[in-house]
Amino acid sequence: MSRTFKAIQGETPISYLTRLRMQRAKQLLMQEAITVRQVAHAVGYQDPYYFSKVFKRYFGAAPTLIER
């Protein structure tokens, strides 16, 4: 299934899911006055510290630095 997904989407299922989560997280951080912990939970991360680490790796900046 992963091979078929990658052939169609051009990326692995995990990278696709991460991309969707990070895009949604950025939208939430820019539009709403909610905490990083709440955003992490909203996009499917139980550990806000791990979410922050993934977010920083993806965007090159910590979620707390995203302009609202």
PDB file of N, CA and C in Angstrom:
ATOM      1  N   MET A   1       0.824  -1.185   0.000  1.00  0.00           N
ATOM      2  CA  MET A   1       0.000   0.000   0.000  1.00  0.00           C
ATOM      3  C   MET A   1       0.877   1.261   0.000  1.00  0.00           C
ATOM      4  N   SER A   2       1.950   1.255   0.777  1.00  0.00           N
ATOM      5  CA  SER A   2       2.823   2.434   0.845  1.00  0.00           C
ATOM      6  C   SER A   2       3.439   2.752  -0.508  1.00  0.00           C
ATOM      7  N   ARG A   3       3.824   1.733  -1.242  1.00  0.00           N
ATOM      8  CA  ARG A   3       4.406   1.956  -2.569  1.00  0.00           C
ATOM      9  C   ARG A   3       3.401   2.590  -3.515  1.00  0.00           C
ATOM     10  N   THR A   4       2.182   2.096  -3.482  1.00  0.00           N
ATOM     11  CA  THR A   4       1.130   2.645  -4.337  1.00  0.00           C
ATOM     12  C   THR A   4       0.840   4.091  -3.954  1.00  0.00           C
ATOM     13  N   PHE A   5       0.761   4.354  -2.661  1.00  0.00           N
ATOM     14  CA  PHE A   5       0.516   5.711  -2.177  1.00  0.00           C
ATOM     15  C   PHE A   5       1.625   6.646  -2.656  1.00  0.00           C
ATOM     16  N   LYS A   6       2.872   6.210  -2.511  1.00  0.00           N
ATOM     17  CA  LYS A   6       4.003   7.041  -2.916  1.00  0.00           C
ATOM     18  C   LYS A   6       4.018   7.261  -4.424  1.00  0.00           C
ATOM     19  N   ALA A   7       3.639   6.243  -5.180  1.00  0.00           N
ATOM     20  CA  ALA A   7       3.594   6.379  -6.636  1.00  0.00           C
ATOM     21  C   ALA A   7       2.544   7.402  -7.060  1.00  0.00           C
ATOM     22  N   ILE A   8       1.446   7.447  -6.343  1.00  0.00           N
ATOM     23  CA  ILE A   8       0.360   8.370  -6.688  1.00  0.00           C
ATOM     24  C   ILE A   8       0.616   9.766  -6.129  1.00  0.00           C
ATOM     25  N   GLN A   9       0.990   9.855  -4.852  1.00  0.00           N
ATOM     26  CA  GLN A   9       1.145  11.146  -4.168  1.00  0.00           C
ATOM     27  C   GLN A   9       2.540  11.747  -4.303  1.00  0.00           C
ATOM     28  N   GLY A  10       3.531  10.901  -4.554  1.00  0.00           N
ATOM     29  CA  GLY A  10       4.892  11.394  -4.660  1.00  0.00           C
ATOM     30  C   GLY A  10       5.600  11.545  -3.334  1.00  0.00           C
ATOM     31  N   GLU A  11       4.995  11.063  -2.262  1.00  0.00           N
ATOM     32  CA  GLU A  11       5.604  11.092  -0.936  1.00  0.00           C
ATOM     33  C   GLU A  11       5.050   9.942  -0.118  1.00  0.00           C
ATOM     34  N   THR A  12       5.752   9.602   0.946  1.00  0.00           N
ATOM     35  CA  THR A  12       5.308   8.486   1.784  1.00  0.00           C
ATOM     36  C   THR A  12       4.065   8.885   2.582  1.00  0.00           C
ATOM     37  N   PRO A  13       3.301   7.900   3.042  1.00  0.00           N
ATOM     38  CA  PRO A  13       2.124   8.224   3.861  1.00  0.00           C
ATOM     39  C   PRO A  13       2.477   9.030   5.107  1.00  0.00           C
ATOM     40  N   ILE A  14       3.602   8.726   5.745  1.00  0.00           N
ATOM     41  CA  ILE A  14       4.006   9.446   6.955  1.00  0.00           C
ATOM     42  C   ILE A  14       4.345  10.899   6.633  1.00  0.00           C
ATOM     43  N   SER A  15       5.099  11.130   5.564  1.00  0.00           N
ATOM     44  CA  SER A  15       5.450  12.515   5.219  1.00  0.00           C
ATOM     45  C   SER A  15       4.210  13.294   4.782  1.00  0.00           C
ATOM     46  N   TYR A  16       3.275  12.618   4.134  1.00  0.00           N
ATOM     47  CA  TYR A  16       2.017  13.254   3.739  1.00  0.00           C
ATOM     48  C   TYR A  16       1.231  13.685   4.978  1.00  0.00           C
ATOM     49  N   LEU A  17       1.112  12.774   5.937  1.00  0.00           N
ATOM     50  CA  LEU A  17       0.384  13.075   7.166  1.00  0.00           C
ATOM     51  C   LEU A  17       1.062  14.197   7.945  1.00  0.00           C
ATOM     52  N   THR A  18       2.382  14.144   8.023  1.00  0.00           N
ATOM     53  CA  THR A  18       3.124  15.189   8.727  1.00  0.00           C
ATOM     54  C   THR A  18       2.920  16.539   8.056  1.00  0.00           C
ATOM     55  N   ARG A  19       2.963  16.569   6.726  1.00  0.00           N
ATOM     56  CA  ARG A  19       2.759  17.817   5.994  1.00  0.00           C
ATOM     57  C   ARG A  19       1.374  18.393   6.283  1.00  0.00           C
ATOM     58  N   LEU A  20       0.355  17.541   6.242  1.00  0.00           N
ATOM     59  CA  LEU A  20      -1.007  18.010   6.530  1.00  0.00           C
ATOM     60  C   LEU A  20      -1.122  18.538   7.960  1.00  0.00           C
ATOM     61  N   ARG A  21      -0.555  17.812   8.910  1.00  0.00           N
ATOM     62  CA  ARG A  21      -0.601  18.238  10.310  1.00  0.00           C
ATOM     63  C   ARG A  21       0.113  19.575  10.510  1.00  0.00           C
ATOM     64  N   MET A  22       1.274  19.723   9.903  1.00  0.00           N
ATOM     65  CA  MET A  22       2.057  20.950  10.080  1.00  0.00           C
ATOM     66  C   MET A  22       1.368  22.144   9.418  1.00  0.00           C
ATOM     67  N   GLN A  23       0.780  21.942   8.257  1.00  0.00           N
ATOM     68  CA  GLN A  23       0.056  23.035   7.605  1.00  0.00           C
ATOM     69  C   GLN A  23      -1.131  23.476   8.448  1.00  0.00           C
ATOM     70  N   ARG A  24      -1.864  22.516   8.996  1.00  0.00           N
ATOM     71  CA  ARG A  24      -3.011  22.846   9.838  1.00  0.00           C
ATOM     72  C   ARG A  24      -2.560  23.523  11.128  1.00  0.00           C
ATOM     73  N   ALA A  25      -1.465  23.032  11.704  1.00  0.00           N
ATOM     74  CA  ALA A  25      -0.941  23.629  12.931  1.00  0.00           C
ATOM     75  C   ALA A  25      -0.560  25.088  12.689  1.00  0.00           C
ATOM     76  N   LYS A  26       0.088  25.362  11.576  1.00  0.00           N
ATOM     77  CA  LYS A  26       0.482  26.736  11.266  1.00  0.00           C
ATOM     78  C   LYS A  26      -0.750  27.629  11.114  1.00  0.00           C
ATOM     79  N   GLN A  27      -1.785  27.110  10.453  1.00  0.00           N
ATOM     80  CA  GLN A  27      -3.033  27.871  10.315  1.00  0.00           C
ATOM     81  C   GLN A  27      -3.623  28.188  11.679  1.00  0.00           C
ATOM     82  N   LEU A  28      -3.682  27.194  12.544  1.00  0.00           N
ATOM     83  CA  LEU A  28      -4.247  27.399  13.875  1.00  0.00           C
ATOM     84  C   LEU A  28      -3.436  28.410  14.669  1.00  0.00           C
ATOM     85  N   LEU A  29      -2.137  28.311  14.601  1.00  0.00           N
ATOM     86  CA  LEU A  29      -1.280  29.233  15.345  1.00  0.00           C
ATOM     87  C   LEU A  29      -1.403  30.667  14.839  1.00  0.00           C
ATOM     88  N   MET A  30      -1.648  30.832  13.555  1.00  0.00           N
ATOM     89  CA  MET A  30      -1.752  32.174  12.974  1.00  0.00           C
ATOM     90  C   MET A  30      -3.132  32.793  13.177  1.00  0.00           C
ATOM     91  N   GLN A  31      -4.160  31.974  13.267  1.00  0.00           N
ATOM     92  CA  GLN A  31      -5.520  32.495  13.283  1.00  0.00           C
ATOM     93  C   GLN A  31      -6.163  32.540  14.664  1.00  0.00           C
ATOM     94  N   GLU A  32      -5.775  31.659  15.526  1.00  0.00           N
ATOM     95  CA  GLU A  32      -6.493  31.541  16.789  1.00  0.00           C
ATOM     96  C   GLU A  32      -5.590  31.797  17.983  1.00  0.00           C
ATOM     97  N   ALA A  33      -6.171  32.262  19.030  1.00  0.00           N
ATOM     98  CA  ALA A  33      -5.425  32.513  20.268  1.00  0.00           C
ATOM     99  C   ALA A  33      -5.497  31.270  21.149  1.00  0.00           C
ATOM    100  N   ILE A  34      -4.797  30.215  20.726  1.00  0.00           N
ATOM    101  CA  ILE A  34      -4.749  28.998  21.519  1.00  0.00           C
ATOM    102  C   ILE A  34      -3.286  28.639  21.775  1.00  0.00           C
ATOM    103  N   THR A  35      -3.075  27.823  22.767  1.00  0.00           N
ATOM    104  CA  THR A  35      -1.711  27.481  23.163  1.00  0.00           C
ATOM    105  C   THR A  35      -1.109  26.446  22.213  1.00  0.00           C
ATOM    106  N   VAL A  36       0.209  26.333  22.277  1.00  0.00           N
ATOM    107  CA  VAL A  36       0.905  25.327  21.471  1.00  0.00           C
ATOM    108  C   VAL A  36       0.436  23.941  21.880  1.00  0.00           C
ATOM    109  N   ARG A  37       0.211  23.731  23.156  1.00  0.00           N
ATOM    110  CA  ARG A  37      -0.296  22.443  23.642  1.00  0.00           C
ATOM    111  C   ARG A  37      -1.640  22.106  22.987  1.00  0.00           C
ATOM    112  N   GLN A  38      -2.534  23.074  22.919  1.00  0.00           N
ATOM    113  CA  GLN A  38      -3.844  22.842  22.313  1.00  0.00           C
ATOM    114  C   GLN A  38      -3.720  22.560  20.820  1.00  0.00           C
ATOM    115  N   VAL A  39      -2.825  23.276  20.145  1.00  0.00           N
ATOM    116  CA  VAL A  39      -2.603  23.040  18.717  1.00  0.00           C
ATOM    117  C   VAL A  39      -2.046  21.639  18.512  1.00  0.00           C
ATOM    118  N   ALA A  40      -1.080  21.262  19.327  1.00  0.00           N
ATOM    119  CA  ALA A  40      -0.490  19.925  19.219  1.00  0.00           C
ATOM    120  C   ALA A  40      -1.576  18.855  19.302  1.00  0.00           C
ATOM    121  N   HIS A  41      -2.440  18.968  20.279  1.00  0.00           N
ATOM    122  CA  HIS A  41      -3.519  17.996  20.433  1.00  0.00           C
ATOM    123  C   HIS A  41      -4.503  18.062  19.271  1.00  0.00           C
ATOM    124  N   ALA A  42      -4.779  19.250  18.778  1.00  0.00           N
ATOM    125  CA  ALA A  42      -5.734  19.415  17.674  1.00  0.00           C
ATOM    126  C   ALA A  42      -5.257  18.750  16.387  1.00  0.00           C
ATOM    127  N   VAL A  43      -3.945  18.695  16.185  1.00  0.00           N
ATOM    128  CA  VAL A  43      -3.426  18.101  14.952  1.00  0.00           C
ATOM    129  C   VAL A  43      -2.910  16.673  15.156  1.00  0.00           C
ATOM    130  N   GLY A  44      -3.139  16.108  16.348  1.00  0.00           N
ATOM    131  CA  GLY A  44      -2.867  14.702  16.549  1.00  0.00           C
ATOM    132  C   GLY A  44      -1.598  14.335  17.290  1.00  0.00           C
ATOM    133  N   TYR A  45      -0.964  15.281  17.955  1.00  0.00           N
ATOM    134  CA  TYR A  45       0.232  14.989  18.743  1.00  0.00           C
ATOM    135  C   TYR A  45      -0.135  15.034  20.218  1.00  0.00           C
ATOM    136  N   GLN A  46       0.156  13.970  20.931  1.00  0.00           N
ATOM    137  CA  GLN A  46      -0.144  13.915  22.354  1.00  0.00           C
ATOM    138  C   GLN A  46       0.910  14.643  23.179  1.00  0.00           C
ATOM    139  N   ASP A  47       2.131  14.692  22.672  1.00  0.00           N
ATOM    140  CA  ASP A  47       3.241  15.315  23.385  1.00  0.00           C
ATOM    141  C   ASP A  47       3.581  16.664  22.754  1.00  0.00           C
ATOM    142  N   PRO A  48       3.275  17.760  23.425  1.00  0.00           N
ATOM    143  CA  PRO A  48       3.533  19.077  22.837  1.00  0.00           C
ATOM    144  C   PRO A  48       5.018  19.356  22.602  1.00  0.00           C
ATOM    145  N   TYR A  49       5.890  18.733  23.377  1.00  0.00           N
ATOM    146  CA  TYR A  49       7.329  18.914  23.173  1.00  0.00           C
ATOM    147  C   TYR A  49       7.778  18.262  21.872  1.00  0.00           C
ATOM    148  N   TYR A  50       7.265  17.072  21.618  1.00  0.00           N
ATOM    149  CA  TYR A  50       7.585  16.396  20.363  1.00  0.00           C
ATOM    150  C   TYR A  50       6.987  17.176  19.187  1.00  0.00           C
ATOM    151  N   PHE A  51       5.767  17.658  19.358  1.00  0.00           N
ATOM    152  CA  PHE A  51       5.145  18.483  18.319  1.00  0.00           C
ATOM    153  C   PHE A  51       6.023  19.686  18.001  1.00  0.00           C
ATOM    154  N   SER A  52       6.519  20.360  19.013  1.00  0.00           N
ATOM    155  CA  SER A  52       7.378  21.536  18.800  1.00  0.00           C
ATOM    156  C   SER A  52       8.646  21.160  18.041  1.00  0.00           C
ATOM    157  N   LYS A  53       9.195  20.016  18.362  1.00  0.00           N
ATOM    158  CA  LYS A  53      10.403  19.545  17.688  1.00  0.00           C
ATOM    159  C   LYS A  53      10.125  19.279  16.201  1.00  0.00           C
ATOM    160  N   VAL A  54       9.031  18.601  15.906  1.00  0.00           N
ATOM    161  CA  VAL A  54       8.665  18.312  14.516  1.00  0.00           C
ATOM    162  C   VAL A  54       8.347  19.610  13.782  1.00  0.00           C
ATOM    163  N   PHE A  55       7.627  20.510  14.433  1.00  0.00           N
ATOM    164  CA  PHE A  55       7.265  21.788  13.836  1.00  0.00           C
ATOM    165  C   PHE A  55       8.519  22.574  13.463  1.00  0.00           C
ATOM    166  N   LYS A  56       9.478  22.632  14.368  1.00  0.00           N
ATOM    167  CA  LYS A  56      10.707  23.376  14.121  1.00  0.00           C
ATOM    168  C   LYS A  56      11.509  22.740  12.985  1.00  0.00           C
ATOM    169  N   ARG A  57      11.550  21.424  12.943  1.00  0.00           N
ATOM    170  CA  ARG A  57      12.242  20.730  11.862  1.00  0.00           C
ATOM    171  C   ARG A  57      11.553  21.013  10.519  1.00  0.00           C
ATOM    172  N   TYR A  58      10.243  21.085  10.514  1.00  0.00           N
ATOM    173  CA  TYR A  58       9.480  21.282   9.283  1.00  0.00           C
ATOM    174  C   TYR A  58       9.566  22.723   8.788  1.00  0.00           C
ATOM    175  N   PHE A  59       9.393  23.699   9.679  1.00  0.00           N
ATOM    176  CA  PHE A  59       9.335  25.110   9.286  1.00  0.00           C
ATOM    177  C   PHE A  59      10.612  25.896   9.575  1.00  0.00           C
ATOM    178  N   GLY A  60      11.491  25.344  10.390  1.00  0.00           N
ATOM    179  CA  GLY A  60      12.721  26.051  10.721  1.00  0.00           C
ATOM    180  C   GLY A  60      12.552  27.088  11.813  1.00  0.00           C
ATOM    181  N   ALA A  61      11.410  27.081  12.468  1.00  0.00           N
ATOM    182  CA  ALA A  61      11.143  28.012  13.565  1.00  0.00           C
ATOM    183  C   ALA A  61      10.216  27.332  14.569  1.00  0.00           C
ATOM    184  N   ALA A  62      10.360  27.697  15.805  1.00  0.00           N
ATOM    185  CA  ALA A  62       9.504  27.139  16.851  1.00  0.00           C
ATOM    186  C   ALA A  62       8.068  27.625  16.679  1.00  0.00           C
ATOM    187  N   PRO A  63       7.091  26.826  17.094  1.00  0.00           N
ATOM    188  CA  PRO A  63       5.697  27.246  16.952  1.00  0.00           C
ATOM    189  C   PRO A  63       5.366  28.527  17.705  1.00  0.00           C
ATOM    190  N   THR A  64       6.114  28.816  18.752  1.00  0.00           N
ATOM    191  CA  THR A  64       5.859  30.042  19.511  1.00  0.00           C
ATOM    192  C   THR A  64       6.288  31.288  18.745  1.00  0.00           C
ATOM    193  N   LEU A  65       7.093  31.134  17.696  1.00  0.00           N
ATOM    194  CA  LEU A  65       7.569  32.273  16.927  1.00  0.00           C
ATOM    195  C   LEU A  65       6.719  32.596  15.700  1.00  0.00           C
ATOM    196  N   ILE A  66       5.679  31.820  15.475  1.00  0.00           N
ATOM    197  CA  ILE A  66       4.805  32.066  14.323  1.00  0.00           C
ATOM    198  C   ILE A  66       3.986  33.306  14.591  1.00  0.00           C
ATOM    199  N   GLU A  67       3.994  34.208  13.631  1.00  0.00           N
ATOM    200  CA  GLU A  67       3.256  35.485  13.764  1.00  0.00           C
ATOM    201  C   GLU A  67       1.767  35.250  13.735  1.00  0.00           C
ATOM    202  N   ARG A  68       1.077  35.902  14.636  1.00  0.00           N
ATOM    203  CA  ARG A  68      -0.399  35.797  14.670  1.00  0.00           C
ATOM    204  C   ARG A  68      -1.015  36.957  13.958  1.00  0.00           C
TER     205      ARG A  68
END
